[in-house]
């Protein structure tokens, strides 16, 4: 994947104010940042789900033994090492896509869960992000519980 942005941070690239970090990318030689401490530097973000990238500090605390530990998929068809689930794994038997949510510390079914990049939180499939109040809300056919906006928008 080709890098889409380059930052010019003067504060070390530690917060989501850094355009690279905001776009889930490490800084590179094209950036003009000073004292860069982007936590995504040295991480192959293409091998991780958005949830894992946005929870990079939890990911970095995982040991090699934890990454190799096998988990039984909720479909019960097979066991898969955590490192595969951090990107996403399609079950060879039933064809369902599963991934490990670092937000929930659990294996989730991709058809029932999504990760809101704005709220930085995994969500139930029945939730949606309201562009008016900038919060996630429950109920696909209900108005936003925060601002009463009608309808829904998927991010």
N, C-alpha and C. Protein backbone atom coordinates (compact mmCIF):
# COMPACT_ATOMS: atom_id res chain seq x y z
N UNK A 1 0.84 -1.18 0.00
CA UNK A 1 0.00 0.00 0.00
C UNK A 1 0.88 1.24 0.00
N UNK A 2 0.55 2.20 -0.83
CA UNK A 2 1.32 3.43 -0.91
C UNK A 2 0.84 4.42 0.14
N UNK A 3 1.77 5.11 0.76
CA UNK A 3 1.46 6.08 1.80
C UNK A 3 0.68 7.24 1.19
N UNK A 4 -0.37 7.66 1.89
CA UNK A 4 -1.25 8.69 1.34
C UNK A 4 -0.99 10.07 1.91
N UNK A 5 -0.38 10.17 3.10
CA UNK A 5 -0.16 11.48 3.73
C UNK A 5 1.24 11.55 4.31
N UNK A 6 1.68 12.76 4.55
CA UNK A 6 2.95 13.01 5.23
C UNK A 6 2.71 14.15 6.21
N UNK A 7 3.20 14.00 7.42
CA UNK A 7 2.95 15.01 8.45
C UNK A 7 4.11 16.00 8.58
N UNK A 8 3.85 17.04 9.35
CA UNK A 8 4.86 18.06 9.64
C UNK A 8 4.82 18.38 11.13
N UNK A 9 4.56 17.37 11.95
CA UNK A 9 4.36 17.56 13.39
C UNK A 9 5.61 18.10 14.08
N UNK A 10 5.38 18.96 15.03
CA UNK A 10 6.47 19.51 15.84
C UNK A 10 6.40 18.96 17.27
N UNK A 11 5.37 18.11 17.55
CA UNK A 11 5.14 17.62 18.91
C UNK A 11 5.31 16.12 19.06
N UNK A 12 6.00 15.47 18.16
CA UNK A 12 6.35 14.07 18.33
C UNK A 12 5.40 13.03 17.78
N UNK A 13 4.32 13.43 17.10
CA UNK A 13 3.41 12.47 16.44
C UNK A 13 2.79 11.47 17.42
N UNK A 14 2.51 11.88 18.63
CA UNK A 14 1.95 10.97 19.64
C UNK A 14 0.43 11.01 19.72
N UNK A 15 -0.21 12.01 19.13
CA UNK A 15 -1.66 12.12 19.23
C UNK A 15 -2.29 12.01 17.84
N UNK A 16 -3.60 11.89 17.82
CA UNK A 16 -4.33 11.75 16.56
C UNK A 16 -4.35 13.07 15.79
N UNK A 17 -3.73 14.11 16.32
CA UNK A 17 -3.57 15.36 15.57
C UNK A 17 -2.55 15.17 14.45
N UNK A 18 -1.69 14.18 14.59
CA UNK A 18 -0.72 13.82 13.54
C UNK A 18 -1.51 13.23 12.36
N UNK A 19 -1.34 13.78 11.17
CA UNK A 19 -2.10 13.29 10.02
C UNK A 19 -1.76 11.84 9.68
N UNK A 20 -0.53 11.44 9.92
CA UNK A 20 -0.17 10.04 9.65
C UNK A 20 -0.92 9.11 10.61
N UNK A 21 -0.84 9.41 11.90
CA UNK A 21 -1.51 8.59 12.91
C UNK A 21 -3.02 8.60 12.72
N UNK A 22 -3.57 9.76 12.37
CA UNK A 22 -5.02 9.88 12.13
C UNK A 22 -5.45 8.98 10.96
N UNK A 23 -4.54 8.80 10.00
CA UNK A 23 -4.82 7.95 8.83
C UNK A 23 -4.31 6.53 9.01
N UNK A 24 -4.00 6.15 10.25
CA UNK A 24 -3.55 4.80 10.60
C UNK A 24 -2.30 4.39 9.82
N UNK A 25 -1.35 5.33 9.70
CA UNK A 25 -0.12 5.07 8.97
C UNK A 25 1.09 5.44 9.82
N UNK A 26 2.21 4.74 9.64
CA UNK A 26 3.45 5.16 10.29
C UNK A 26 4.02 6.38 9.56
N UNK A 27 4.89 7.10 10.22
CA UNK A 27 5.61 8.19 9.56
C UNK A 27 6.74 7.58 8.73
N UNK A 28 7.19 8.30 7.71
CA UNK A 28 8.30 7.81 6.89
C UNK A 28 9.22 8.97 6.54
N UNK A 29 10.18 8.70 5.67
CA UNK A 29 11.18 9.72 5.33
C UNK A 29 10.58 10.92 4.61
N UNK A 30 9.38 10.80 4.07
CA UNK A 30 8.70 11.92 3.41
C UNK A 30 8.07 12.89 4.39
N UNK A 31 7.96 12.49 5.66
CA UNK A 31 7.38 13.35 6.69
C UNK A 31 8.41 14.39 7.13
N UNK A 32 7.94 15.49 7.60
CA UNK A 32 8.81 16.56 8.08
C UNK A 32 8.64 16.74 9.59
N UNK A 33 8.35 15.65 10.30
CA UNK A 33 8.09 15.72 11.74
C UNK A 33 9.39 15.84 12.54
N UNK A 34 9.24 16.36 13.76
CA UNK A 34 10.36 16.56 14.67
C UNK A 34 10.17 15.66 15.88
N UNK A 35 11.18 14.88 16.25
CA UNK A 35 11.09 14.01 17.43
C UNK A 35 9.98 12.98 17.32
N UNK A 36 9.85 12.36 16.18
CA UNK A 36 8.74 11.45 15.89
C UNK A 36 8.68 10.26 16.85
N UNK A 37 7.51 10.06 17.44
CA UNK A 37 7.24 8.91 18.30
C UNK A 37 5.94 8.23 17.88
N UNK A 38 5.63 8.27 16.59
CA UNK A 38 4.42 7.63 16.08
C UNK A 38 4.46 6.15 16.48
N UNK A 39 3.46 5.68 17.25
CA UNK A 39 3.48 4.28 17.71
C UNK A 39 3.33 3.26 16.59
N UNK A 40 2.97 3.71 15.39
CA UNK A 40 2.83 2.79 14.26
C UNK A 40 4.13 2.59 13.50
N UNK A 41 5.16 3.38 13.83
CA UNK A 41 6.46 3.21 13.18
C UNK A 41 6.99 1.81 13.47
N UNK A 42 7.46 1.13 12.43
CA UNK A 42 8.00 -0.22 12.58
C UNK A 42 6.95 -1.32 12.63
N UNK A 43 5.68 -0.96 12.48
CA UNK A 43 4.59 -1.93 12.51
C UNK A 43 4.03 -2.07 11.10
N UNK A 44 3.83 -3.31 10.66
CA UNK A 44 3.22 -3.55 9.35
C UNK A 44 1.71 -3.43 9.51
N UNK A 45 1.20 -2.22 9.33
CA UNK A 45 -0.23 -1.96 9.56
C UNK A 45 -1.12 -2.71 8.57
N UNK A 46 -0.57 -3.14 7.44
CA UNK A 46 -1.35 -3.90 6.46
C UNK A 46 -1.70 -5.29 6.98
N UNK A 47 -0.99 -5.76 7.99
CA UNK A 47 -1.24 -7.08 8.57
C UNK A 47 -2.18 -7.00 9.78
N UNK A 48 -2.78 -5.84 10.02
CA UNK A 48 -3.64 -5.65 11.18
C UNK A 48 -4.99 -5.07 10.78
N UNK A 49 -6.02 -5.39 11.55
CA UNK A 49 -7.33 -4.78 11.35
C UNK A 49 -7.27 -3.34 11.85
N UNK A 50 -8.27 -2.55 11.49
CA UNK A 50 -8.35 -1.17 11.97
C UNK A 50 -8.42 -1.16 13.49
N UNK A 51 -9.14 -2.10 14.08
CA UNK A 51 -9.23 -2.21 15.54
C UNK A 51 -7.84 -2.39 16.14
N UNK A 52 -7.03 -3.26 15.58
CA UNK A 52 -5.68 -3.51 16.11
C UNK A 52 -4.79 -2.29 15.92
N UNK A 53 -4.91 -1.61 14.79
CA UNK A 53 -4.10 -0.42 14.54
C UNK A 53 -4.47 0.68 15.53
N UNK A 54 -5.77 0.88 15.74
CA UNK A 54 -6.20 1.94 16.65
C UNK A 54 -5.97 1.57 18.13
N UNK A 55 -5.69 0.32 18.39
CA UNK A 55 -5.33 -0.13 19.74
C UNK A 55 -3.90 -0.64 19.75
N UNK A 56 -3.02 0.11 19.08
CA UNK A 56 -1.64 -0.33 18.87
C UNK A 56 -0.89 -0.58 20.17
N UNK A 57 -1.19 0.16 21.22
CA UNK A 57 -0.48 -0.06 22.49
C UNK A 57 -0.83 -1.43 23.07
N UNK A 58 -2.08 -1.87 22.94
CA UNK A 58 -2.46 -3.21 23.39
C UNK A 58 -1.78 -4.27 22.52
N UNK A 59 -1.73 -4.03 21.21
CA UNK A 59 -1.10 -4.96 20.29
C UNK A 59 0.38 -5.14 20.64
N UNK A 60 1.08 -4.03 20.88
CA UNK A 60 2.51 -4.09 21.15
C UNK A 60 2.83 -4.80 22.46
N UNK A 61 1.88 -4.88 23.38
CA UNK A 61 2.10 -5.57 24.65
C UNK A 61 1.97 -7.09 24.52
N UNK A 62 1.45 -7.57 23.39
CA UNK A 62 1.28 -9.01 23.19
C UNK A 62 2.64 -9.68 22.97
N UNK A 63 2.85 -10.78 23.67
CA UNK A 63 4.10 -11.53 23.51
C UNK A 63 3.98 -12.45 22.29
N UNK A 64 5.11 -12.99 21.85
CA UNK A 64 5.10 -13.93 20.72
C UNK A 64 4.26 -15.16 21.06
N UNK A 65 4.33 -15.62 22.32
CA UNK A 65 3.52 -16.77 22.75
C UNK A 65 2.03 -16.45 22.67
N UNK A 66 1.66 -15.23 23.03
CA UNK A 66 0.24 -14.83 22.94
C UNK A 66 -0.20 -14.74 21.49
N UNK A 67 0.66 -14.26 20.62
CA UNK A 67 0.32 -14.16 19.19
C UNK A 67 0.19 -15.53 18.55
N UNK A 68 0.93 -16.52 19.04
CA UNK A 68 0.87 -17.88 18.50
C UNK A 68 -0.26 -18.71 19.11
N UNK A 69 -0.83 -18.26 20.23
CA UNK A 69 -1.90 -19.02 20.90
C UNK A 69 -3.09 -19.19 19.95
N UNK A 70 -3.60 -20.41 19.90
CA UNK A 70 -4.72 -20.72 19.01
C UNK A 70 -6.05 -20.52 19.72
N UNK A 71 -7.00 -19.96 18.98
CA UNK A 71 -8.35 -19.71 19.48
C UNK A 71 -9.35 -20.45 18.61
N UNK A 72 -10.34 -21.05 19.23
CA UNK A 72 -11.40 -21.69 18.46
C UNK A 72 -12.34 -20.61 17.95
N UNK A 73 -12.65 -20.67 16.67
CA UNK A 73 -13.57 -19.70 16.08
C UNK A 73 -14.98 -19.92 16.64
N UNK A 74 -15.79 -18.87 16.72
CA UNK A 74 -17.17 -19.02 17.22
C UNK A 74 -18.00 -20.04 16.43
N UNK A 75 -17.66 -20.27 15.16
CA UNK A 75 -18.37 -21.25 14.34
C UNK A 75 -17.98 -22.68 14.72
N UNK A 76 -16.91 -22.81 15.51
CA UNK A 76 -16.37 -24.09 15.98
C UNK A 76 -15.81 -24.97 14.87
N UNK A 77 -15.51 -24.39 13.72
CA UNK A 77 -14.98 -25.16 12.59
C UNK A 77 -13.47 -25.38 12.69
N UNK A 78 -12.75 -24.43 13.26
CA UNK A 78 -11.28 -24.55 13.30
C UNK A 78 -10.69 -23.66 14.39
N UNK A 79 -9.41 -23.92 14.66
CA UNK A 79 -8.65 -23.09 15.60
C UNK A 79 -7.62 -22.30 14.80
N UNK A 80 -7.44 -21.03 15.21
CA UNK A 80 -6.58 -20.11 14.46
C UNK A 80 -5.71 -19.34 15.44
N UNK A 81 -4.42 -19.12 15.11
CA UNK A 81 -3.57 -18.31 16.00
C UNK A 81 -4.04 -16.85 16.04
N UNK A 82 -3.84 -16.23 17.18
CA UNK A 82 -4.25 -14.84 17.38
C UNK A 82 -3.68 -13.92 16.31
N UNK A 83 -2.42 -14.14 15.89
CA UNK A 83 -1.80 -13.24 14.91
C UNK A 83 -2.59 -13.21 13.60
N UNK A 84 -3.23 -14.30 13.21
CA UNK A 84 -4.07 -14.31 12.01
C UNK A 84 -5.38 -13.57 12.26
N UNK A 85 -5.91 -13.72 13.47
CA UNK A 85 -7.18 -13.07 13.81
C UNK A 85 -7.05 -11.56 13.94
N UNK A 86 -5.84 -11.07 14.19
CA UNK A 86 -5.64 -9.63 14.32
C UNK A 86 -5.79 -8.91 12.98
N UNK A 87 -5.64 -9.64 11.89
CA UNK A 87 -5.89 -9.07 10.57
C UNK A 87 -7.31 -9.40 10.12
N UNK A 88 -7.70 -10.61 10.39
CA UNK A 88 -8.99 -11.12 9.94
C UNK A 88 -8.76 -12.47 9.28
N UNK A 89 -9.61 -13.43 9.58
CA UNK A 89 -9.44 -14.78 9.05
C UNK A 89 -10.78 -15.31 8.56
N UNK A 90 -10.79 -15.80 7.32
CA UNK A 90 -11.99 -16.43 6.78
C UNK A 90 -11.91 -17.92 7.06
N UNK A 91 -12.93 -18.44 7.73
CA UNK A 91 -12.97 -19.86 8.07
C UNK A 91 -12.98 -20.68 6.78
N UNK A 92 -12.08 -21.65 6.71
CA UNK A 92 -11.98 -22.49 5.51
C UNK A 92 -13.19 -23.39 5.33
N UNK A 93 -13.91 -23.66 6.41
CA UNK A 93 -15.04 -24.58 6.32
C UNK A 93 -16.37 -23.87 6.03
N UNK A 94 -16.69 -22.81 6.81
CA UNK A 94 -17.99 -22.16 6.66
C UNK A 94 -17.94 -20.85 5.88
N UNK A 95 -16.72 -20.31 5.66
CA UNK A 95 -16.57 -19.10 4.87
C UNK A 95 -16.84 -17.79 5.61
N UNK A 96 -17.12 -17.85 6.91
CA UNK A 96 -17.36 -16.64 7.68
C UNK A 96 -16.04 -15.94 8.00
N UNK A 97 -16.06 -14.60 8.02
CA UNK A 97 -14.88 -13.81 8.35
C UNK A 97 -14.93 -13.45 9.83
N UNK A 98 -13.84 -13.75 10.54
CA UNK A 98 -13.72 -13.44 11.96
C UNK A 98 -12.46 -12.61 12.19
N UNK A 99 -12.46 -11.79 13.22
CA UNK A 99 -11.28 -11.03 13.61
C UNK A 99 -11.31 -10.83 15.12
N UNK A 100 -10.14 -10.52 15.67
CA UNK A 100 -10.04 -10.34 17.11
C UNK A 100 -10.19 -8.87 17.44
N UNK A 101 -11.18 -8.55 18.28
CA UNK A 101 -11.40 -7.18 18.72
C UNK A 101 -10.57 -6.92 19.97
N UNK A 102 -9.60 -6.02 19.86
CA UNK A 102 -8.83 -5.62 21.04
C UNK A 102 -9.67 -4.71 21.94
N UNK A 103 -10.73 -4.11 21.39
CA UNK A 103 -11.65 -3.31 22.21
C UNK A 103 -12.43 -4.21 23.17
N UNK A 104 -12.87 -5.36 22.66
CA UNK A 104 -13.71 -6.27 23.44
C UNK A 104 -12.94 -7.47 23.98
N UNK A 105 -11.67 -7.64 23.55
CA UNK A 105 -10.87 -8.81 23.92
C UNK A 105 -11.61 -10.11 23.62
N UNK A 106 -12.08 -10.20 22.38
CA UNK A 106 -12.84 -11.37 21.97
C UNK A 106 -12.81 -11.51 20.45
N UNK A 107 -13.07 -12.71 19.98
CA UNK A 107 -13.20 -12.97 18.55
C UNK A 107 -14.60 -12.54 18.14
N UNK A 108 -14.68 -11.79 17.05
CA UNK A 108 -15.98 -11.30 16.59
C UNK A 108 -16.22 -11.73 15.14
N UNK A 109 -17.48 -11.86 14.80
CA UNK A 109 -17.93 -12.19 13.46
C UNK A 109 -18.05 -10.87 12.68
N UNK A 110 -17.37 -10.77 11.57
CA UNK A 110 -17.36 -9.53 10.80
C UNK A 110 -18.75 -9.08 10.36
N UNK A 111 -19.68 -10.01 10.18
CA UNK A 111 -21.03 -9.64 9.75
C UNK A 111 -21.87 -9.08 10.89
N UNK A 112 -21.37 -9.16 12.13
CA UNK A 112 -22.13 -8.66 13.28
C UNK A 112 -21.41 -7.55 14.03
N UNK A 113 -20.21 -7.21 13.60
CA UNK A 113 -19.40 -6.24 14.34
C UNK A 113 -18.62 -5.37 13.36
N UNK A 114 -18.38 -4.14 13.75
CA UNK A 114 -17.53 -3.24 12.97
C UNK A 114 -16.79 -2.33 13.95
N UNK A 115 -15.73 -1.71 13.46
CA UNK A 115 -14.93 -0.82 14.30
C UNK A 115 -15.10 0.60 13.79
N UNK A 116 -15.64 1.49 14.63
CA UNK A 116 -15.81 2.89 14.26
C UNK A 116 -14.47 3.59 14.40
N UNK A 117 -13.92 4.03 13.28
CA UNK A 117 -12.62 4.70 13.29
C UNK A 117 -12.68 6.08 13.93
N UNK A 118 -13.85 6.69 13.96
CA UNK A 118 -13.99 8.02 14.57
C UNK A 118 -14.06 7.90 16.09
N UNK A 119 -14.87 6.98 16.59
CA UNK A 119 -15.02 6.78 18.04
C UNK A 119 -13.92 5.90 18.61
N UNK A 120 -13.17 5.21 17.73
CA UNK A 120 -12.11 4.28 18.14
C UNK A 120 -12.66 3.19 19.06
N UNK A 121 -13.75 2.56 18.61
CA UNK A 121 -14.42 1.56 19.43
C UNK A 121 -15.14 0.55 18.53
N UNK A 122 -15.09 -0.72 18.91
CA UNK A 122 -15.85 -1.74 18.19
C UNK A 122 -17.33 -1.57 18.52
N UNK A 123 -18.16 -1.84 17.52
CA UNK A 123 -19.60 -1.62 17.66
C UNK A 123 -20.38 -2.82 17.14
N UNK A 124 -21.57 -2.97 17.66
CA UNK A 124 -22.54 -3.95 17.20
C UNK A 124 -23.02 -3.52 15.81
N UNK A 125 -23.40 -4.47 14.97
CA UNK A 125 -23.82 -4.18 13.60
C UNK A 125 -25.05 -3.28 13.56
N UNK A 126 -25.80 -3.21 14.66
CA UNK A 126 -27.02 -2.40 14.68
C UNK A 126 -26.74 -0.95 15.07
N UNK A 127 -25.49 -0.62 15.31
CA UNK A 127 -25.13 0.75 15.65
C UNK A 127 -24.61 1.47 14.42
N UNK A 128 -24.68 2.77 14.43
CA UNK A 128 -24.21 3.60 13.32
C UNK A 128 -23.65 4.89 13.86
N UNK A 129 -22.79 5.53 13.06
CA UNK A 129 -22.16 6.78 13.49
C UNK A 129 -22.92 7.95 12.89
N UNK A 130 -23.42 8.83 13.77
CA UNK A 130 -24.17 10.01 13.35
C UNK A 130 -23.19 11.12 12.98
N UNK A 131 -23.30 11.63 11.77
CA UNK A 131 -22.42 12.70 11.32
C UNK A 131 -22.80 14.05 11.92
N UNK A 132 -24.01 14.17 12.45
CA UNK A 132 -24.45 15.44 13.03
C UNK A 132 -23.82 15.65 14.41
N UNK A 133 -23.98 14.68 15.31
CA UNK A 133 -23.45 14.84 16.68
C UNK A 133 -22.09 14.17 16.87
N UNK A 134 -21.64 13.42 15.84
CA UNK A 134 -20.34 12.76 15.85
C UNK A 134 -20.22 11.69 16.93
N UNK A 135 -21.32 10.95 17.17
CA UNK A 135 -21.32 9.86 18.15
C UNK A 135 -22.01 8.64 17.54
N UNK A 136 -21.65 7.47 18.04
CA UNK A 136 -22.34 6.26 17.60
C UNK A 136 -23.62 6.10 18.40
N UNK A 137 -24.62 5.55 17.73
CA UNK A 137 -25.93 5.39 18.34
C UNK A 137 -26.51 4.04 17.93
N UNK A 138 -27.45 3.53 18.71
CA UNK A 138 -28.03 2.22 18.48
C UNK A 138 -29.34 2.33 17.70
N UNK A 139 -29.58 1.36 16.85
CA UNK A 139 -30.85 1.23 16.17
C UNK A 139 -30.83 1.75 14.75
N UNK A 140 -30.77 0.84 13.78
CA UNK A 140 -30.67 1.24 12.38
C UNK A 140 -31.87 2.06 11.91
N UNK A 141 -33.05 1.78 12.45
CA UNK A 141 -34.24 2.50 11.99
C UNK A 141 -34.72 3.54 13.01
N UNK A 142 -33.95 3.77 14.07
CA UNK A 142 -34.32 4.73 15.10
C UNK A 142 -33.57 6.04 14.91
N UNK A 143 -34.13 7.15 15.40
CA UNK A 143 -33.36 8.39 15.35
C UNK A 143 -32.17 8.31 16.30
N UNK A 144 -31.18 9.14 16.05
CA UNK A 144 -30.00 9.18 16.90
C UNK A 144 -30.42 9.49 18.33
N UNK A 145 -29.93 8.71 19.27
CA UNK A 145 -30.30 8.90 20.68
C UNK A 145 -29.64 10.14 21.28
N UNK A 146 -28.67 10.71 20.57
CA UNK A 146 -27.96 11.89 21.09
C UNK A 146 -28.52 13.20 20.53
N UNK A 147 -28.95 13.20 19.27
CA UNK A 147 -29.40 14.46 18.65
C UNK A 147 -30.73 14.32 17.92
N UNK A 148 -31.36 13.16 17.95
CA UNK A 148 -32.66 12.89 17.31
C UNK A 148 -32.64 12.95 15.78
N UNK A 149 -31.44 12.88 15.19
CA UNK A 149 -31.34 12.85 13.74
C UNK A 149 -32.01 11.59 13.23
N UNK A 150 -32.79 11.70 12.18
CA UNK A 150 -33.46 10.54 11.58
C UNK A 150 -32.53 9.79 10.65
N UNK A 151 -32.75 8.48 10.53
CA UNK A 151 -32.01 7.68 9.57
C UNK A 151 -30.65 7.25 10.10
N UNK A 152 -29.83 6.76 9.19
CA UNK A 152 -28.50 6.27 9.59
C UNK A 152 -27.52 6.46 8.45
N UNK A 153 -26.26 6.48 8.84
CA UNK A 153 -25.16 6.54 7.87
C UNK A 153 -24.13 5.51 8.28
N UNK A 154 -23.67 4.72 7.36
CA UNK A 154 -22.61 3.77 7.66
C UNK A 154 -21.29 4.41 7.33
N UNK A 155 -20.30 4.22 8.20
CA UNK A 155 -18.96 4.77 7.99
C UNK A 155 -18.14 3.76 7.25
